[in-house]
PDB file of N, CA and C in Angstrom:
ATOM      1  N   MET A   1       0.838  -1.177   0.000  1.00  0.00           N
ATOM      2  CA  MET A   1       0.000   0.000   0.000  1.00  0.00           C
ATOM      3  C   MET A   1       0.887   1.246   0.000  1.00  0.00           C
ATOM      4  N   LYS A   2       0.542   2.219  -0.823  1.00  0.00           N
ATOM      5  CA  LYS A   2       1.304   3.462  -0.876  1.00  0.00           C
ATOM      6  C   LYS A   2       0.912   4.356   0.294  1.00  0.00           C
ATOM      7  N   PRO A   3       1.897   5.038   0.890  1.00  0.00           N
ATOM      8  CA  PRO A   3       1.585   5.961   1.994  1.00  0.00           C
ATOM      9  C   PRO A   3       0.665   7.082   1.519  1.00  0.00           C
ATOM     10  N   ALA A   4      -0.313   7.426   2.352  1.00  0.00           N
ATOM     11  CA  ALA A   4      -1.254   8.494   2.016  1.00  0.00           C
ATOM     12  C   ALA A   4      -1.064   9.711   2.909  1.00  0.00           C
ATOM     13  N   ALA A   5      -0.318   9.556   3.987  1.00  0.00           N
ATOM     14  CA  ALA A   5      -0.107  10.652   4.927  1.00  0.00           C
ATOM     15  C   ALA A   5       1.284  10.521   5.538  1.00  0.00           C
ATOM     16  N   ILE A   6       1.744  11.594   6.150  1.00  0.00           N
ATOM     17  CA  ILE A   6       3.060  11.586   6.791  1.00  0.00           C
ATOM     18  C   ILE A   6       3.149  10.458   7.815  1.00  0.00           C
ATOM     19  N   SER A   7       2.090  10.226   8.542  1.00  0.00           N
ATOM     20  CA  SER A   7       2.110   9.162   9.551  1.00  0.00           C
ATOM     21  C   SER A   7       2.320   7.793   8.905  1.00  0.00           C
ATOM     22  N   ASP A   8       1.866   7.618   7.665  1.00  0.00           N
ATOM     23  CA  ASP A   8       2.087   6.359   6.959  1.00  0.00           C
ATOM     24  C   ASP A   8       3.565   6.174   6.622  1.00  0.00           C
ATOM     25  N   TYR A   9       4.224   7.259   6.210  1.00  0.00           N
ATOM     26  CA  TYR A   9       5.661   7.193   5.937  1.00  0.00           C
ATOM     27  C   TYR A   9       6.433   6.868   7.215  1.00  0.00           C
ATOM     28  N   ARG A  10       6.023   7.456   8.317  1.00  0.00           N
ATOM     29  CA  ARG A  10       6.674   7.198   9.599  1.00  0.00           C
ATOM     30  C   ARG A  10       6.549   5.722   9.965  1.00  0.00           C
ATOM     31  N   GLU A  11       5.361   5.182   9.820  1.00  0.00           N
ATOM     32  CA  GLU A  11       5.142   3.768  10.153  1.00  0.00           C
ATOM     33  C   GLU A  11       5.948   2.862   9.233  1.00  0.00           C
ATOM     34  N   GLN A  12       6.025   3.218   7.965  1.00  0.00           N
ATOM     35  CA  GLN A  12       6.811   2.436   7.022  1.00  0.00           C
ATOM     36  C   GLN A  12       8.291   2.446   7.424  1.00  0.00           C
ATOM     37  N   ALA A  13       8.797   3.598   7.815  1.00  0.00           N
ATOM     38  CA  ALA A  13      10.189   3.704   8.267  1.00  0.00           C
ATOM     39  C   ALA A  13      10.395   2.893   9.540  1.00  0.00           C
ATOM     40  N   ARG A  14       9.443   2.956  10.454  1.00  0.00           N
ATOM     41  CA  ARG A  14       9.561   2.213  11.713  1.00  0.00           C
ATOM     42  C   ARG A  14       9.678   0.716  11.443  1.00  0.00           C
ATOM     43  N   ARG A  15       8.923   0.228  10.458  1.00  0.00           N
ATOM     44  CA  ARG A  15       8.954  -1.199  10.146  1.00  0.00           C
ATOM     45  C   ARG A  15      10.228  -1.611   9.413  1.00  0.00           C
ATOM     46  N   ARG A  16      10.781  -0.704   8.611  1.00  0.00           N
ATOM     47  CA  ARG A  16      11.922  -1.065   7.761  1.00  0.00           C
ATOM     48  C   ARG A  16      13.289  -0.860   8.413  1.00  0.00           C
ATOM     49  N   LEU A  17      13.413   0.161   9.253  1.00  0.00           N
ATOM     50  CA  LEU A  17      14.724   0.512   9.809  1.00  0.00           C
ATOM     51  C   LEU A  17      15.008  -0.244  11.103  1.00  0.00           C
ATOM     52  N   PRO A  18      16.279  -0.510  11.363  1.00  0.00           N
ATOM     53  CA  PRO A  18      16.632  -1.033  12.682  1.00  0.00           C
ATOM     54  C   PRO A  18      16.203  -0.019  13.750  1.00  0.00           C
ATOM     55  N   PRO A  19      15.771  -0.486  14.914  1.00  0.00           N
ATOM     56  CA  PRO A  19      15.261   0.424  15.947  1.00  0.00           C
ATOM     57  C   PRO A  19      16.183   1.604  16.263  1.00  0.00           C
ATOM     58  N   MET A  20      17.483   1.383  16.342  1.00  0.00           N
ATOM     59  CA  MET A  20      18.413   2.466  16.664  1.00  0.00           C
ATOM     60  C   MET A  20      18.329   3.596  15.637  1.00  0.00           C
ATOM     61  N   PHE A  21      18.251   3.262  14.362  1.00  0.00           N
ATOM     62  CA  PHE A  21      18.185   4.273  13.312  1.00  0.00           C
ATOM     63  C   PHE A  21      16.844   5.001  13.328  1.00  0.00           C
ATOM     64  N   PHE A  22      15.770   4.235  13.492  1.00  0.00           N
ATOM     65  CA  PHE A  22      14.447   4.866  13.532  1.00  0.00           C
ATOM     66  C   PHE A  22      14.341   5.839  14.701  1.00  0.00           C
ATOM     67  N   GLU A  23      14.777   5.425  15.878  1.00  0.00           N
ATOM     68  CA  GLU A  23      14.704   6.296  17.065  1.00  0.00           C
ATOM     69  C   GLU A  23      15.519   7.563  16.868  1.00  0.00           C
ATOM     70  N   TYR A  24      16.647   7.457  16.170  1.00  0.00           N
ATOM     71  CA  TYR A  24      17.491   8.632  15.922  1.00  0.00           C
ATOM     72  C   TYR A  24      16.761   9.673  15.083  1.00  0.00           C
ATOM     73  N   ILE A  25      16.114   9.247  14.010  1.00  0.00           N
ATOM     74  CA  ILE A  25      15.448  10.231  13.142  1.00  0.00           C
ATOM     75  C   ILE A  25      14.065  10.608  13.629  1.00  0.00           C
ATOM     76  N   ASP A  26      13.436   9.757  14.419  1.00  0.00           N
ATOM     77  CA  ASP A  26      12.071  10.017  14.858  1.00  0.00           C
ATOM     78  C   ASP A  26      12.017  10.855  16.131  1.00  0.00           C
ATOM     79  N   GLY A  27      13.031  10.786  16.935  1.00  0.00           N
ATOM     80  CA  GLY A  27      12.989  11.446  18.240  1.00  0.00           C
ATOM     81  C   GLY A  27      13.566  12.842  18.242  1.00  0.00           C
ATOM     82  N   GLY A  28      13.582  13.423  19.406  1.00  0.00           N
ATOM     83  CA  GLY A  28      14.175  14.735  19.627  1.00  0.00           C
ATOM     84  C   GLY A  28      15.233  14.601  20.705  1.00  0.00           C
ATOM     85  N   SER A  29      15.771  15.714  21.114  1.00  0.00           N
ATOM     86  CA  SER A  29      16.822  15.669  22.133  1.00  0.00           C
ATOM     87  C   SER A  29      16.243  15.908  23.529  1.00  0.00           C
ATOM     88  N   TYR A  30      16.946  15.424  24.503  1.00  0.00           N
ATOM     89  CA  TYR A  30      16.604  15.577  25.920  1.00  0.00           C
ATOM     90  C   TYR A  30      15.153  15.182  26.188  1.00  0.00           C
ATOM     91  N   ALA A  31      14.351  16.078  26.701  1.00  0.00           N
ATOM     92  CA  ALA A  31      12.966  15.758  27.066  1.00  0.00           C
ATOM     93  C   ALA A  31      12.005  15.862  25.876  1.00  0.00           C
ATOM     94  N   GLU A  32      12.513  16.186  24.710  1.00  0.00           N
ATOM     95  CA  GLU A  32      11.737  16.282  23.465  1.00  0.00           C
ATOM     96  C   GLU A  32      10.639  17.347  23.510  1.00  0.00           C
ATOM     97  N   GLU A  33      10.806  18.358  24.342  1.00  0.00           N
ATOM     98  CA  GLU A  33       9.797  19.414  24.451  1.00  0.00           C
ATOM     99  C   GLU A  33       9.654  20.192  23.143  1.00  0.00           C
ATOM    100  N   THR A  34      10.773  20.533  22.519  1.00  0.00           N
ATOM    101  CA  THR A  34      10.704  21.273  21.253  1.00  0.00           C
ATOM    102  C   THR A  34      10.024  20.436  20.188  1.00  0.00           C
ATOM    103  N   LEU A  35      10.314  19.141  20.150  1.00  0.00           N
ATOM    104  CA  LEU A  35       9.659  18.248  19.201  1.00  0.00           C
ATOM    105  C   LEU A  35       8.148  18.259  19.410  1.00  0.00           C
ATOM    106  N   ARG A  36       7.702  18.143  20.653  1.00  0.00           N
ATOM    107  CA  ARG A  36       6.255  18.156  20.938  1.00  0.00           C
ATOM    108  C   ARG A  36       5.619  19.482  20.518  1.00  0.00           C
ATOM    109  N   ARG A  37       6.301  20.589  20.801  1.00  0.00           N
ATOM    110  CA  ARG A  37       5.758  21.900  20.412  1.00  0.00           C
ATOM    111  C   ARG A  37       5.663  22.033  18.898  1.00  0.00           C
ATOM    112  N   ASN A  38       6.700  21.575  18.193  1.00  0.00           N
ATOM    113  CA  ASN A  38       6.677  21.660  16.731  1.00  0.00           C
ATOM    114  C   ASN A  38       5.532  20.835  16.155  1.00  0.00           C
ATOM    115  N   VAL A  39       5.346  19.624  16.655  1.00  0.00           N
ATOM    116  CA  VAL A  39       4.251  18.769  16.181  1.00  0.00           C
ATOM    117  C   VAL A  39       2.913  19.435  16.472  1.00  0.00           C
ATOM    118  N   ARG A  40       2.746  19.955  17.673  1.00  0.00           N
ATOM    119  CA  ARG A  40       1.484  20.611  18.050  1.00  0.00           C
ATOM    120  C   ARG A  40       1.218  21.822  17.147  1.00  0.00           C
ATOM    121  N   ASP A  41       2.246  22.643  16.916  1.00  0.00           N
ATOM    122  CA  ASP A  41       2.064  23.832  16.085  1.00  0.00           C
ATOM    123  C   ASP A  41       1.740  23.472  14.640  1.00  0.00           C
ATOM    124  N   LEU A  42       2.401  22.444  14.103  1.00  0.00           N
ATOM    125  CA  LEU A  42       2.109  22.039  12.725  1.00  0.00           C
ATOM    126  C   LEU A  42       0.712  21.437  12.606  1.00  0.00           C
ATOM    127  N   GLU A  43       0.271  20.712  13.626  1.00  0.00           N
ATOM    128  CA  GLU A  43      -1.081  20.149  13.597  1.00  0.00           C
ATOM    129  C   GLU A  43      -2.153  21.233  13.643  1.00  0.00           C
ATOM    130  N   ALA A  44      -1.810  22.401  14.183  1.00  0.00           N
ATOM    131  CA  ALA A  44      -2.779  23.494  14.291  1.00  0.00           C
ATOM    132  C   ALA A  44      -2.981  24.234  12.967  1.00  0.00           C
ATOM    133  N   ILE A  45      -2.117  23.990  12.001  1.00  0.00           N
ATOM    134  CA  ILE A  45      -2.231  24.668  10.710  1.00  0.00           C
ATOM    135  C   ILE A  45      -3.267  23.952   9.854  1.00  0.00           C
ATOM    136  N   ALA A  46      -4.245  24.691   9.402  1.00  0.00           N
ATOM    137  CA  ALA A  46      -5.274  24.135   8.517  1.00  0.00           C
ATOM    138  C   ALA A  46      -5.058  24.692   7.115  1.00  0.00           C
ATOM    139  N   LEU A  47      -4.856  23.808   6.169  1.00  0.00           N
ATOM    140  CA  LEU A  47      -4.669  24.230   4.787  1.00  0.00           C
ATOM    141  C   LEU A  47      -6.023  24.334   4.104  1.00  0.00           C
ATOM    142  N   ARG A  48      -6.184  25.397   3.341  1.00  0.00           N
ATOM    143  CA  ARG A  48      -7.428  25.570   2.579  1.00  0.00           C
ATOM    144  C   ARG A  48      -7.242  24.957   1.205  1.00  0.00           C
ATOM    145  N   GLN A  49      -8.042  23.971   0.914  1.00  0.00           N
ATOM    146  CA  GLN A  49      -7.962  23.335  -0.390  1.00  0.00           C
ATOM    147  C   GLN A  49      -8.670  24.215  -1.408  1.00  0.00           C
ATOM    148  N   ARG A  50      -7.972  24.528  -2.456  1.00  0.00           N
ATOM    149  CA  ARG A  50      -8.554  25.339  -3.526  1.00  0.00           C
ATOM    150  C   ARG A  50      -8.440  24.555  -4.822  1.00  0.00           C
ATOM    151  N   VAL A  51      -9.532  24.377  -5.488  1.00  0.00           N
ATOM    152  CA  VAL A  51      -9.538  23.635  -6.743  1.00  0.00           C
ATOM    153  C   VAL A  51     -10.057  24.523  -7.855  1.00  0.00           C
ATOM    154  N   MET A  52      -9.724  24.132  -9.065  1.00  0.00           N
ATOM    155  CA  MET A  52     -10.167  24.858 -10.251  1.00  0.00           C
ATOM    156  C   MET A  52      -9.741  26.327 -10.200  1.00  0.00           C
ATOM    157  N   ARG A  53      -8.489  26.562  -9.871  1.00  0.00           N
ATOM    158  CA  ARG A  53      -7.935  27.915  -9.829  1.00  0.00           C
ATOM    159  C   ARG A  53      -6.901  28.071 -10.938  1.00  0.00           C
ATOM    160  N   ASP A  54      -6.761  29.277 -11.466  1.00  0.00           N
ATOM    161  CA  ASP A  54      -5.745  29.572 -12.476  1.00  0.00           C
ATOM    162  C   ASP A  54      -4.383  29.640 -11.791  1.00  0.00           C
ATOM    163  N   MET A  55      -3.514  28.714 -12.096  1.00  0.00           N
ATOM    164  CA  MET A  55      -2.194  28.656 -11.484  1.00  0.00           C
ATOM    165  C   MET A  55      -1.094  29.124 -12.432  1.00  0.00           C
ATOM    166  N   SER A  56      -1.452  29.607 -13.586  1.00  0.00           N
ATOM    167  CA  SER A  56      -0.459  29.956 -14.604  1.00  0.00           C
ATOM    168  C   SER A  56       0.426  31.128 -14.214  1.00  0.00           C
ATOM    169  N   LYS A  57      -0.032  31.973 -13.305  1.00  0.00           N
ATOM    170  CA  LYS A  57       0.758  33.149 -12.937  1.00  0.00           C
ATOM    171  C   LYS A  57       1.340  33.065 -11.515  1.00  0.00           C
ATOM    172  N   VAL A  58       1.268  31.911 -10.891  1.00  0.00           N
ATOM    173  CA  VAL A  58       1.812  31.741  -9.549  1.00  0.00           C
ATOM    174  C   VAL A  58       3.331  31.745  -9.625  1.00  0.00           C
ATOM    175  N   ASP A  59       3.964  32.533  -8.773  1.00  0.00           N
ATOM    176  CA  ASP A  59       5.420  32.630  -8.727  1.00  0.00           C
ATOM    177  C   ASP A  59       5.896  32.162  -7.356  1.00  0.00           C
ATOM    178  N   LEU A  60       6.598  31.050  -7.320  1.00  0.00           N
ATOM    179  CA  LEU A  60       7.102  30.500  -6.071  1.00  0.00           C
ATOM    180  C   LEU A  60       8.536  30.936  -5.777  1.00  0.00           C
ATOM    181  N   SER A  61       9.117  31.736  -6.654  1.00  0.00           N
ATOM    182  CA  SER A  61      10.519  32.101  -6.488  1.00  0.00           C
ATOM    183  C   SER A  61      10.741  32.950  -5.234  1.00  0.00           C
ATOM    184  N   THR A  62      11.955  32.865  -4.727  1.00  0.00           N
ATOM    185  CA  THR A  62      12.356  33.634  -3.559  1.00  0.00           C
ATOM    186  C   THR A  62      13.852  33.905  -3.649  1.00  0.00           C
ATOM    187  N   ILE A  63      14.342  34.809  -2.839  1.00  0.00           N
ATOM    188  CA  ILE A  63      15.767  35.102  -2.806  1.00  0.00           C
ATOM    189  C   ILE A  63      16.328  34.590  -1.488  1.00  0.00           C
ATOM    190  N   LEU A  64      17.363  33.762  -1.585  1.00  0.00           N
ATOM    191  CA  LEU A  64      18.007  33.195  -0.412  1.00  0.00           C
ATOM    192  C   LEU A  64      19.501  33.403  -0.555  1.00  0.00           C
ATOM    193  N   PHE A  65      20.079  34.091   0.395  1.00  0.00           N
ATOM    194  CA  PHE A  65      21.511  34.404   0.375  1.00  0.00           C
ATOM    195  C   PHE A  65      21.926  35.098  -0.917  1.00  0.00           C
ATOM    196  N   GLY A  66      21.066  35.989  -1.392  1.00  0.00           N
ATOM    197  CA  GLY A  66      21.370  36.768  -2.583  1.00  0.00           C
ATOM    198  C   GLY A  66      21.176  36.033  -3.900  1.00  0.00           C
ATOM    199  N   GLN A  67      20.691  34.821  -3.846  1.00  0.00           N
ATOM    200  CA  GLN A  67      20.481  34.025  -5.059  1.00  0.00           C
ATOM    201  C   GLN A  67      18.989  33.767  -5.240  1.00  0.00           C
ATOM    202  N   THR A  68      18.495  34.003  -6.451  1.00  0.00           N
ATOM    203  CA  THR A  68      17.083  33.749  -6.731  1.00  0.00           C
ATOM    204  C   THR A  68      16.874  32.256  -6.958  1.00  0.00           C
ATOM    205  N   LEU A  69      15.925  31.718  -6.223  1.00  0.00           N
ATOM    206  CA  LEU A  69      15.575  30.304  -6.354  1.00  0.00           C
ATOM    207  C   LEU A  69      14.191  30.201  -6.968  1.00  0.00           C
ATOM    208  N   ALA A  70      14.003  29.276  -7.906  1.00  0.00           N
ATOM    209  CA  ALA A  70      12.719  29.118  -8.578  1.00  0.00           C
ATOM    210  C   ALA A  70      11.640  28.653  -7.606  1.00  0.00           C
ATOM    211  N   MET A  71      12.055  27.931  -6.572  1.00  0.00           N
ATOM    212  CA  MET A  71      11.108  27.410  -5.595  1.00  0.00           C
ATOM    213  C   MET A  71      11.818  27.375  -4.237  1.00  0.00           C
ATOM    214  N   PRO A  72      11.169  27.790  -3.159  1.00  0.00           N
ATOM    215  CA  PRO A  72      11.843  27.840  -1.854  1.00  0.00           C
ATOM    216  C   PRO A  72      12.007  26.459  -1.208  1.00  0.00           C
ATOM    217  N   VAL A  73      12.878  25.655  -1.799  1.00  0.00           N
ATOM    218  CA  VAL A  73      13.175  24.333  -1.267  1.00  0.00           C
ATOM    219  C   VAL A  73      14.688  24.238  -1.106  1.00  0.00           C
ATOM    220  N   ALA A  74      15.132  23.760   0.033  1.00  0.00           N
ATOM    221  CA  ALA A  74      16.566  23.610   0.267  1.00  0.00           C
ATOM    222  C   ALA A  74      16.800  22.313   1.033  1.00  0.00           C
ATOM    223  N   LEU A  75      17.988  21.784   0.916  1.00  0.00           N
ATOM    224  CA  LEU A  75      18.366  20.591   1.654  1.00  0.00           C
ATOM    225  C   LEU A  75      19.343  20.984   2.755  1.00  0.00           C
ATOM    226  N   ALA A  76      19.174  20.397   3.895  1.00  0.00           N
ATOM    227  CA  ALA A  76      20.085  20.634   5.008  1.00  0.00           C
ATOM    228  C   ALA A  76      20.865  19.349   5.281  1.00  0.00           C
ATOM    229  N   PRO A  77      22.013  19.459   5.898  1.00  0.00           N
ATOM    230  CA  PRO A  77      22.758  18.238   6.228  1.00  0.00           C
ATOM    231  C   PRO A  77      21.945  17.341   7.159  1.00  0.00           C
ATOM    232  N   VAL A  78      22.023  16.056   6.919  1.00  0.00           N
ATOM    233  CA  VAL A  78      21.323  15.082   7.755  1.00  0.00           C
ATOM    234  C   VAL A  78      22.352  14.072   8.231  1.00  0.00           C
ATOM    235  N   GLY A  79      22.498  13.956   9.546  1.00  0.00           N
ATOM    236  CA  GLY A  79      23.453  13.013  10.107  1.00  0.00           C
ATOM    237  C   GLY A  79      23.131  11.586   9.707  1.00  0.00           C
ATOM    238  N   MET A  80      24.135  10.868   9.339  1.00  0.00           N
ATOM    239  CA  MET A  80      24.032   9.445   9.012  1.00  0.00           C
ATOM    240  C   MET A  80      23.083   9.140   7.857  1.00  0.00           C
ATOM    241  N   ALA A  81      22.967  10.034   6.885  1.00  0.00           N
ATOM    242  CA  ALA A  81      22.054   9.796   5.762  1.00  0.00           C
ATOM    243  C   ALA A  81      22.371   8.490   5.047  1.00  0.00           C
ATOM    244  N   GLY A  82      23.636   8.131   4.955  1.00  0.00           N
ATOM    245  CA  GLY A  82      24.031   6.903   4.289  1.00  0.00           C
ATOM    246  C   GLY A  82      23.582   5.654   5.014  1.00  0.00           C
ATOM    247  N   MET A  83      23.217   5.776   6.272  1.00  0.00           N
ATOM    248  CA  MET A  83      22.750   4.618   7.018  1.00  0.00           C
ATOM    249  C   MET A  83      21.276   4.326   6.738  1.00  0.00           C
ATOM    250  N   TYR A  84      20.547   5.307   6.234  1.00  0.00           N
ATOM    251  CA  TYR A  84      19.116   5.134   5.972  1.00  0.00           C
ATOM    252  C   TYR A  84      18.847   4.736   4.533  1.00  0.00           C
ATOM    253  N   ALA A  85      19.712   5.154   3.650  1.00  0.00           N
ATOM    254  CA  ALA A  85      19.560   4.817   2.235  1.00  0.00           C
ATOM    255  C   ALA A  85      20.952   4.598   1.664  1.00  0.00           C
ATOM    256  N   SER A  86      21.078   3.627   0.799  1.00  0.00           N
ATOM    257  CA  SER A  86      22.363   3.367   0.172  1.00  0.00           C
ATOM    258  C   SER A  86      22.849   4.633  -0.532  1.00  0.00           C
ATOM    259  N   ARG A  87      24.027   5.077  -0.142  1.00  0.00           N
ATOM    260  CA  ARG A  87      24.626   6.301  -0.707  1.00  0.00           C
ATOM    261  C   ARG A  87      23.702   7.507  -0.518  1.00  0.00           C
ATOM    262  N   GLY A  88      23.108   7.620   0.653  1.00  0.00           N
ATOM    263  CA  GLY A  88      22.155   8.686   0.948  1.00  0.00           C
ATOM    264  C   GLY A  88      22.697  10.078   0.717  1.00  0.00           C
ATOM    265  N   GLU A  89      23.967  10.317   1.088  1.00  0.00           N
ATOM    266  CA  GLU A  89      24.549  11.642   0.879  1.00  0.00           C
ATOM    267  C   GLU A  89      24.660  11.962  -0.608  1.00  0.00           C
ATOM    268  N   VAL A  90      25.018  10.956  -1.400  1.00  0.00           N
ATOM    269  CA  VAL A  90      25.140  11.144  -2.851  1.00  0.00           C
ATOM    270  C   VAL A  90      23.768  11.423  -3.455  1.00  0.00           C
ATOM    271  N   GLN A  91      22.766  10.698  -3.007  1.00  0.00           N
ATOM    272  CA  GLN A  91      21.407  10.927  -3.508  1.00  0.00           C
ATOM    273  C   GLN A  91      20.928  12.333  -3.182  1.00  0.00           C
ATOM    274  N   ALA A  92      21.231  12.817  -1.976  1.00  0.00           N
ATOM    275  CA  ALA A  92      20.832  14.174  -1.595  1.00  0.00           C
ATOM    276  C   ALA A  92      21.544  15.210  -2.453  1.00  0.00           C
ATOM    277  N   ALA A  93      22.827  14.999  -2.706  1.00  0.00           N
ATOM    278  CA  ALA A  93      23.579  15.953  -3.550  1.00  0.00           C
ATOM    279  C   ALA A  93      23.029  15.977  -4.966  1.00  0.00           C
ATOM    280  N   ARG A  94      22.674  14.821  -5.496  1.00  0.00           N
ATOM    281  CA  ARG A  94      22.090  14.772  -6.861  1.00  0.00           C
ATOM    282  C   ARG A  94      20.747  15.486  -6.889  1.00  0.00           C
ATOM    283  N   ALA A  95      19.939  15.283  -5.854  1.00  0.00           N
ATOM    284  CA  ALA A  95      18.633  15.948  -5.805  1.00  0.00           C
ATOM    285  C   ALA A  95      18.810  17.456  -5.721  1.00  0.00           C
ATOM    286  N   ALA A  96      19.804  17.910  -4.980  1.00  0.00           N
ATOM    287  CA  ALA A  96      20.044  19.344  -4.833  1.00  0.00           C
ATOM    288  C   ALA A  96      20.501  19.950  -6.155  1.00  0.00           C
ATOM    289  N   ALA A  97      21.285  19.195  -6.911  1.00  0.00           N
ATOM    290  CA  ALA A  97      21.784  19.707  -8.201  1.00  0.00           C
ATOM    291  C   ALA A  97      20.626  19.892  -9.167  1.00  0.00           C
TER     292      ALA A  97
END
């Protein structure tokens, strides 16, 4: 079955990864208070679904560090990426390119 929600991806990762790796990416530090707050704040956001709208003039570009990006998406370093996916760091670099 294909994942339909973020929680489905989480469950799929929990089943596939060794417990040590899953706990590393799934958890937070110390008492995990910041993690709980982030989850609570994201759950409070309600997205308005809009259908049948003209999207031809939507501009997602932004300026980051003086460089114009077509879409505001960036990759950050992820510890032990190679442990979760074969050549994970290489895959991330290719995706960024």
